[in-house]
Amino acid sequence: MSSSILLVEDEPGIVQVLVDLLQAEDHTVDVAVDGDAGLSMACGGGYDLLILDVMLPGLSGTQVCHGAREQGFDGAILMLTAMGRVSDRVKGLRSGADDYLAKPF
């Protein structure tokens, strides 16, 4: 089953690897490289899944997650970030994420 995915990530190497892997599985992937663009796209794009880095230019991934949920995004949200402490995970999940995966993965 193909999904429409928004990847919000500012590290070009990670973007390339994830886009290649997800497209190889027949998913449609759009990319935003900062939090402001990510929130705008998330709320207007009809995505099934958001994959969010936490440390982004502009809005943080946590802010994008919270804002998307407030604006009615009801798809899945995965936080994918180098911030792996328990308190970081709790903050991400409380912002509305469905899951939280720490880098490296």
C-alpha atoms as a PDB file:
ATOM      1  CA  MET A   1       0.000   0.000   0.000  1.00  0.00           C
ATOM      2  CA  SER A   2       1.442   3.350  -1.031  1.00  0.00           C
ATOM      3  CA  SER A   3       1.393   6.272   1.382  1.00  0.00           C
ATOM      4  CA  SER A   4       1.901   9.994   0.998  1.00  0.00           C
ATOM      5  CA  ILE A   5       4.713  11.047   3.334  1.00  0.00           C
ATOM      6  CA  LEU A   6       6.097  14.421   4.359  1.00  0.00           C
ATOM      7  CA  LEU A   7       9.690  14.304   5.572  1.00  0.00           C
ATOM      8  CA  VAL A   8      10.750  17.408   7.523  1.00  0.00           C
ATOM      9  CA  GLU A   9      14.527  17.123   7.827  1.00  0.00           C
ATOM     10  CA  ASP A  10      17.372  19.581   7.254  1.00  0.00           C
ATOM     11  CA  GLU A  11      20.280  17.135   6.918  1.00  0.00           C
ATOM     12  CA  PRO A  12      20.757  16.440   3.169  1.00  0.00           C
ATOM     13  CA  GLY A  13      22.323  12.996   3.654  1.00  0.00           C
ATOM     14  CA  ILE A  14      19.456  11.755   5.799  1.00  0.00           C
ATOM     15  CA  VAL A  15      16.922  13.244   3.389  1.00  0.00           C
ATOM     16  CA  GLN A  16      18.477  11.429   0.427  1.00  0.00           C
ATOM     17  CA  VAL A  17      18.661   8.050   2.165  1.00  0.00           C
ATOM     18  CA  LEU A  18      15.110   8.205   3.531  1.00  0.00           C
ATOM     19  CA  VAL A  19      13.595   9.474   0.286  1.00  0.00           C
ATOM     20  CA  ASP A  20      15.359   6.727  -1.705  1.00  0.00           C
ATOM     21  CA  LEU A  21      14.264   3.990   0.708  1.00  0.00           C
ATOM     22  CA  LEU A  22      10.674   5.184   0.974  1.00  0.00           C
ATOM     23  CA  GLN A  23      10.278   5.684  -2.783  1.00  0.00           C
ATOM     24  CA  ALA A  24      11.702   2.198  -3.367  1.00  0.00           C
ATOM     25  CA  GLU A  25       8.748   0.944  -1.320  1.00  0.00           C
ATOM     26  CA  ASP A  26       6.415   2.895  -3.655  1.00  0.00           C
ATOM     27  CA  HIS A  27       5.605   5.747  -1.263  1.00  0.00           C
ATOM     28  CA  THR A  28       5.245   9.334  -2.401  1.00  0.00           C
ATOM     29  CA  VAL A  29       7.628  11.564  -0.452  1.00  0.00           C
ATOM     30  CA  ASP A  30       7.737  15.350  -0.196  1.00  0.00           C
ATOM     31  CA  VAL A  31      10.472  17.151   1.724  1.00  0.00           C
ATOM     32  CA  ALA A  32      10.573  20.339   3.791  1.00  0.00           C
ATOM     33  CA  VAL A  33      13.925  21.512   5.150  1.00  0.00           C
ATOM     34  CA  ASP A  34      12.626  23.809   7.889  1.00  0.00           C
ATOM     35  CA  GLY A  35       9.857  23.793  10.451  1.00  0.00           C
ATOM     36  CA  ASP A  36       7.859  26.666   8.997  1.00  0.00           C
ATOM     37  CA  ALA A  37       7.584  25.024   5.571  1.00  0.00           C
ATOM     38  CA  GLY A  38       6.934  21.677   7.235  1.00  0.00           C
ATOM     39  CA  LEU A  39       3.942  22.955   9.185  1.00  0.00           C
ATOM     40  CA  SER A  40       2.502  24.699   6.147  1.00  0.00           C
ATOM     41  CA  MET A  41       2.862  21.596   3.990  1.00  0.00           C
ATOM     42  CA  ALA A  42       1.583  19.241   6.704  1.00  0.00           C
ATOM     43  CA  CYS A  43      -1.627  21.201   7.095  1.00  0.00           C
ATOM     44  CA  GLY A  44      -2.347  21.518   3.400  1.00  0.00           C
ATOM     45  CA  GLY A  45      -0.968  18.400   1.786  1.00  0.00           C
ATOM     46  CA  GLY A  46      -3.193  15.455   2.726  1.00  0.00           C
ATOM     47  CA  TYR A  47      -0.304  13.342   4.012  1.00  0.00           C
ATOM     48  CA  ASP A  48      -0.674   9.945   5.627  1.00  0.00           C
ATOM     49  CA  LEU A  49       2.551  10.287   7.620  1.00  0.00           C
ATOM     50  CA  LEU A  50       4.822  13.063   8.863  1.00  0.00           C
ATOM     51  CA  ILE A  51       8.412  12.208   9.698  1.00  0.00           C
ATOM     52  CA  LEU A  52       9.857  15.060  11.743  1.00  0.00           C
ATOM     53  CA  ASP A  53      13.342  15.898  12.930  1.00  0.00           C
ATOM     54  CA  VAL A  54      13.229  17.847  16.198  1.00  0.00           C
ATOM     55  CA  MET A  55      16.117  20.253  15.627  1.00  0.00           C
ATOM     56  CA  LEU A  56      15.081  22.254  12.565  1.00  0.00           C
ATOM     57  CA  PRO A  57      15.573  25.817  11.349  1.00  0.00           C
ATOM     58  CA  GLY A  58      12.523  27.921  12.252  1.00  0.00           C
ATOM     59  CA  LEU A  59       9.906  25.953  14.137  1.00  0.00           C
ATOM     60  CA  SER A  60      11.164  22.838  15.919  1.00  0.00           C
ATOM     61  CA  GLY A  61       9.788  19.437  15.011  1.00  0.00           C
ATOM     62  CA  THR A  62       7.932  19.429  18.317  1.00  0.00           C
ATOM     63  CA  GLN A  63       6.273  22.730  17.394  1.00  0.00           C
ATOM     64  CA  VAL A  64       5.415  21.403  13.926  1.00  0.00           C
ATOM     65  CA  CYS A  65       3.883  18.296  15.482  1.00  0.00           C
ATOM     66  CA  HIS A  66       1.823  20.273  17.994  1.00  0.00           C
ATOM     67  CA  GLY A  67       0.736  22.809  15.361  1.00  0.00           C
ATOM     68  CA  ALA A  68      -0.259  20.127  12.874  1.00  0.00           C
ATOM     69  CA  ARG A  69      -2.371  18.360  15.485  1.00  0.00           C
ATOM     70  CA  GLU A  70      -3.997  21.652  16.507  1.00  0.00           C
ATOM     71  CA  GLN A  71      -4.873  22.320  12.862  1.00  0.00           C
ATOM     72  CA  GLY A  72      -6.514  18.923  12.463  1.00  0.00           C
ATOM     73  CA  PHE A  73      -3.797  16.677  11.042  1.00  0.00           C
ATOM     74  CA  ASP A  74      -4.921  13.166  11.925  1.00  0.00           C
ATOM     75  CA  GLY A  75      -2.297  11.080  10.143  1.00  0.00           C
ATOM     76  CA  ALA A  76       0.597   9.344  11.831  1.00  0.00           C
ATOM     77  CA  ILE A  77       3.553  11.379  13.109  1.00  0.00           C
ATOM     78  CA  LEU A  78       7.013   9.921  13.705  1.00  0.00           C
ATOM     79  CA  MET A  79       9.680  11.998  15.432  1.00  0.00           C
ATOM     80  CA  LEU A  80      13.094  10.997  14.041  1.00  0.00           C
ATOM     81  CA  THR A  81      15.828  12.803  15.917  1.00  0.00           C
ATOM     82  CA  ALA A  82      19.235  12.711  17.579  1.00  0.00           C
ATOM     83  CA  MET A  83      17.630  13.835  20.833  1.00  0.00           C
ATOM     84  CA  GLY A  84      17.240  10.486  22.562  1.00  0.00           C
ATOM     85  CA  ARG A  85      16.884  11.241  26.270  1.00  0.00           C
ATOM     86  CA  VAL A  86      13.740  10.011  27.989  1.00  0.00           C
ATOM     87  CA  SER A  87      12.630  13.602  28.629  1.00  0.00           C
ATOM     88  CA  ASP A  88      12.999  14.364  24.893  1.00  0.00           C
ATOM     89  CA  ARG A  89      10.883  11.345  24.012  1.00  0.00           C
ATOM     90  CA  VAL A  90       8.193  12.318  26.500  1.00  0.00           C
ATOM     91  CA  LYS A  91       8.103  15.868  25.124  1.00  0.00           C
ATOM     92  CA  GLY A  92       7.777  14.577  21.559  1.00  0.00           C
ATOM     93  CA  LEU A  93       4.994  12.162  22.396  1.00  0.00           C
ATOM     94  CA  ARG A  94       3.139  14.783  24.427  1.00  0.00           C
ATOM     95  CA  SER A  95       3.301  17.166  21.454  1.00  0.00           C
ATOM     96  CA  GLY A  96       1.162  14.690  19.506  1.00  0.00           C
ATOM     97  CA  ALA A  97       3.638  12.269  17.931  1.00  0.00           C
ATOM     98  CA  ASP A  98       2.649   8.630  17.582  1.00  0.00           C
ATOM     99  CA  ASP A  99       6.194   7.343  17.919  1.00  0.00           C
ATOM    100  CA  TYR A 100       9.721   8.608  18.554  1.00  0.00           C
ATOM    101  CA  LEU A 101      12.869   7.074  17.064  1.00  0.00           C
ATOM    102  CA  ALA A 102      16.317   8.276  18.098  1.00  0.00           C
ATOM    103  CA  LYS A 103      19.204   8.514  15.616  1.00  0.00           C
ATOM    104  CA  PRO A 104      21.238   6.633  14.697  1.00  0.00           C
ATOM    105  CA  PHE A 105      18.707   4.095  13.543  1.00  0.00           C
END
